[in-house]
Amino acid sequence: MAKQQRARQRDRAETQLDFSHLRRDARTALELAVVALAPWEVIQRLASSAGLLEALSELPADSAPVVALVPKVLTRAEKALKDWQEWRTQHLEARLPRG
């Protein structure tokens, strides 16, 4: 196997792993946001991201929908997770007892 082909396979595997981690993070954040009664907009954006990531994970990585949608979905999911983290820090962590 040529070095270039191995490098492409390694990059693809890393991308799929990153995608898998983002999908898991989005699902977990959604569950926590629901339990924390986060604002509807935060919950809705996490739900949309988690659902899209889940749906795309079921398709072949080189299929047209995946190729077309993944860049947009990744950007939206990362933004939704960032917004969730900011809300959580501002509204929940300040109330947690430190001991």
C-alpha atoms as a PDB file:
ATOM      1  CA  MET A   1       0.000   0.000   0.000  1.00  0.00           C
ATOM      2  CA  ALA A   2       1.384   3.414  -0.928  1.00  0.00           C
ATOM      3  CA  LYS A   3       2.221   5.922   1.793  1.00  0.00           C
ATOM      4  CA  GLN A   4      -0.253   8.411   0.354  1.00  0.00           C
ATOM      5  CA  GLN A   5      -3.101   5.892   0.485  1.00  0.00           C
ATOM      6  CA  ARG A   6      -2.251   4.957   4.096  1.00  0.00           C
ATOM      7  CA  ALA A   7      -2.178   8.642   5.025  1.00  0.00           C
ATOM      8  CA  ARG A   8      -5.629   9.141   3.478  1.00  0.00           C
ATOM      9  CA  GLN A   9      -7.009   6.140   5.373  1.00  0.00           C
ATOM     10  CA  ARG A  10      -5.509   7.434   8.631  1.00  0.00           C
ATOM     11  CA  ASP A  11      -6.986  10.908   8.029  1.00  0.00           C
ATOM     12  CA  ARG A  12     -10.372   9.369   7.241  1.00  0.00           C
ATOM     13  CA  ALA A  13     -10.259   7.280  10.424  1.00  0.00           C
ATOM     14  CA  GLU A  14      -9.327  10.331  12.509  1.00  0.00           C
ATOM     15  CA  THR A  15     -12.153  12.323  10.895  1.00  0.00           C
ATOM     16  CA  GLN A  16     -14.634   9.534  11.617  1.00  0.00           C
ATOM     17  CA  LEU A  17     -13.413   9.358  15.215  1.00  0.00           C
ATOM     18  CA  ASP A  18     -13.766  13.126  15.604  1.00  0.00           C
ATOM     19  CA  PHE A  19     -17.262  12.885  14.122  1.00  0.00           C
ATOM     20  CA  SER A  20     -18.145  10.097  16.543  1.00  0.00           C
ATOM     21  CA  HIS A  21     -16.892  12.103  19.527  1.00  0.00           C
ATOM     22  CA  LEU A  22     -18.825  15.174  18.420  1.00  0.00           C
ATOM     23  CA  ARG A  23     -21.986  13.099  17.999  1.00  0.00           C
ATOM     24  CA  ARG A  24     -21.588  11.670  21.510  1.00  0.00           C
ATOM     25  CA  ASP A  25     -20.826  15.098  22.982  1.00  0.00           C
ATOM     26  CA  ALA A  26     -23.910  16.591  21.324  1.00  0.00           C
ATOM     27  CA  ARG A  27     -26.170  13.825  22.682  1.00  0.00           C
ATOM     28  CA  THR A  28     -24.740  14.167  26.190  1.00  0.00           C
ATOM     29  CA  ALA A  29     -25.016  17.956  26.124  1.00  0.00           C
ATOM     30  CA  LEU A  30     -28.623  17.661  24.958  1.00  0.00           C
ATOM     31  CA  GLU A  31     -29.504  15.362  27.847  1.00  0.00           C
ATOM     32  CA  LEU A  32     -27.825  17.681  30.340  1.00  0.00           C
ATOM     33  CA  ALA A  33     -29.466  20.764  28.837  1.00  0.00           C
ATOM     34  CA  VAL A  34     -32.903  19.157  29.137  1.00  0.00           C
ATOM     35  CA  VAL A  35     -32.314  18.177  32.762  1.00  0.00           C
ATOM     36  CA  ALA A  36     -30.944  21.647  33.547  1.00  0.00           C
ATOM     37  CA  LEU A  37     -33.954  23.300  31.915  1.00  0.00           C
ATOM     38  CA  ALA A  38     -31.693  25.310  29.649  1.00  0.00           C
ATOM     39  CA  PRO A  39     -33.347  27.848  27.360  1.00  0.00           C
ATOM     40  CA  TRP A  40     -35.399  26.350  24.550  1.00  0.00           C
ATOM     41  CA  GLU A  41     -33.064  27.766  21.879  1.00  0.00           C
ATOM     42  CA  VAL A  42     -30.061  25.985  23.410  1.00  0.00           C
ATOM     43  CA  ILE A  43     -31.976  22.703  23.693  1.00  0.00           C
ATOM     44  CA  GLN A  44     -33.358  22.980  20.177  1.00  0.00           C
ATOM     45  CA  ARG A  45     -29.948  23.660  18.617  1.00  0.00           C
ATOM     46  CA  LEU A  46     -28.385  20.745  20.492  1.00  0.00           C
ATOM     47  CA  ALA A  47     -31.270  18.476  19.476  1.00  0.00           C
ATOM     48  CA  SER A  48     -30.959  19.481  15.844  1.00  0.00           C
ATOM     49  CA  SER A  49     -27.208  18.915  15.889  1.00  0.00           C
ATOM     50  CA  ALA A  50     -27.445  15.579  17.688  1.00  0.00           C
ATOM     51  CA  GLY A  51     -30.167  14.348  15.331  1.00  0.00           C
ATOM     52  CA  LEU A  52     -28.328  15.363  12.188  1.00  0.00           C
ATOM     53  CA  LEU A  53     -25.063  13.873  13.420  1.00  0.00           C
ATOM     54  CA  GLU A  54     -26.880  10.640  14.268  1.00  0.00           C
ATOM     55  CA  ALA A  55     -28.601  10.467  10.884  1.00  0.00           C
ATOM     56  CA  LEU A  56     -25.395  11.188   8.985  1.00  0.00           C
ATOM     57  CA  SER A  57     -23.513   8.555  10.961  1.00  0.00           C
ATOM     58  CA  GLU A  58     -25.848   5.904   9.520  1.00  0.00           C
ATOM     59  CA  LEU A  59     -24.915   6.746   5.921  1.00  0.00           C
ATOM     60  CA  PRO A  60     -21.770   5.760   4.029  1.00  0.00           C
ATOM     61  CA  ALA A  61     -19.034   8.326   4.641  1.00  0.00           C
ATOM     62  CA  ASP A  62     -18.632   9.011   0.925  1.00  0.00           C
ATOM     63  CA  SER A  63     -22.347   9.360   0.123  1.00  0.00           C
ATOM     64  CA  ALA A  64     -23.586  12.604  -1.404  1.00  0.00           C
ATOM     65  CA  PRO A  65     -25.682  13.670   1.635  1.00  0.00           C
ATOM     66  CA  VAL A  66     -22.750  13.158   3.994  1.00  0.00           C
ATOM     67  CA  VAL A  67     -20.311  14.997   1.757  1.00  0.00           C
ATOM     68  CA  ALA A  68     -22.772  17.863   1.277  1.00  0.00           C
ATOM     69  CA  LEU A  69     -24.026  18.230   4.855  1.00  0.00           C
ATOM     70  CA  VAL A  70     -21.156  17.310   7.174  1.00  0.00           C
ATOM     71  CA  PRO A  71     -19.278  20.625   6.975  1.00  0.00           C
ATOM     72  CA  LYS A  72     -22.416  22.628   7.849  1.00  0.00           C
ATOM     73  CA  VAL A  73     -23.532  20.184  10.530  1.00  0.00           C
ATOM     74  CA  LEU A  74     -20.095  20.124  12.166  1.00  0.00           C
ATOM     75  CA  THR A  75     -20.014  23.923  12.318  1.00  0.00           C
ATOM     76  CA  ARG A  76     -23.515  24.099  13.787  1.00  0.00           C
ATOM     77  CA  ALA A  77     -22.843  21.329  16.295  1.00  0.00           C
ATOM     78  CA  GLU A  78     -19.614  22.904  17.504  1.00  0.00           C
ATOM     79  CA  LYS A  79     -21.376  26.280  17.910  1.00  0.00           C
ATOM     80  CA  ALA A  80     -24.301  24.674  19.752  1.00  0.00           C
ATOM     81  CA  LEU A  81     -21.891  22.888  22.121  1.00  0.00           C
ATOM     82  CA  LYS A  82     -19.956  26.112  22.717  1.00  0.00           C
ATOM     83  CA  ASP A  83     -23.174  27.995  23.501  1.00  0.00           C
ATOM     84  CA  TRP A  84     -24.262  25.208  25.844  1.00  0.00           C
ATOM     85  CA  GLN A  85     -20.932  25.317  27.675  1.00  0.00           C
ATOM     86  CA  GLU A  86     -21.205  29.090  28.071  1.00  0.00           C
ATOM     87  CA  TRP A  87     -24.765  28.849  29.402  1.00  0.00           C
ATOM     88  CA  ARG A  88     -23.818  26.013  31.742  1.00  0.00           C
ATOM     89  CA  THR A  89     -20.851  27.948  33.096  1.00  0.00           C
ATOM     90  CA  GLN A  90     -22.891  31.108  33.654  1.00  0.00           C
ATOM     91  CA  HIS A  91     -26.019  29.533  35.095  1.00  0.00           C
ATOM     92  CA  LEU A  92     -25.127  26.236  36.703  1.00  0.00           C
ATOM     93  CA  GLU A  93     -21.540  26.223  37.849  1.00  0.00           C
ATOM     94  CA  ALA A  94     -22.027  29.433  39.810  1.00  0.00           C
ATOM     95  CA  ARG A  95     -24.676  27.640  41.898  1.00  0.00           C
ATOM     96  CA  LEU A  96     -22.692  24.478  42.583  1.00  0.00           C
ATOM     97  CA  PRO A  97     -21.287  24.253  46.092  1.00  0.00           C
ATOM     98  CA  ARG A  98     -17.515  24.129  46.263  1.00  0.00           C
ATOM     99  CA  GLY A  99     -16.044  22.025  48.976  1.00  0.00           C
END
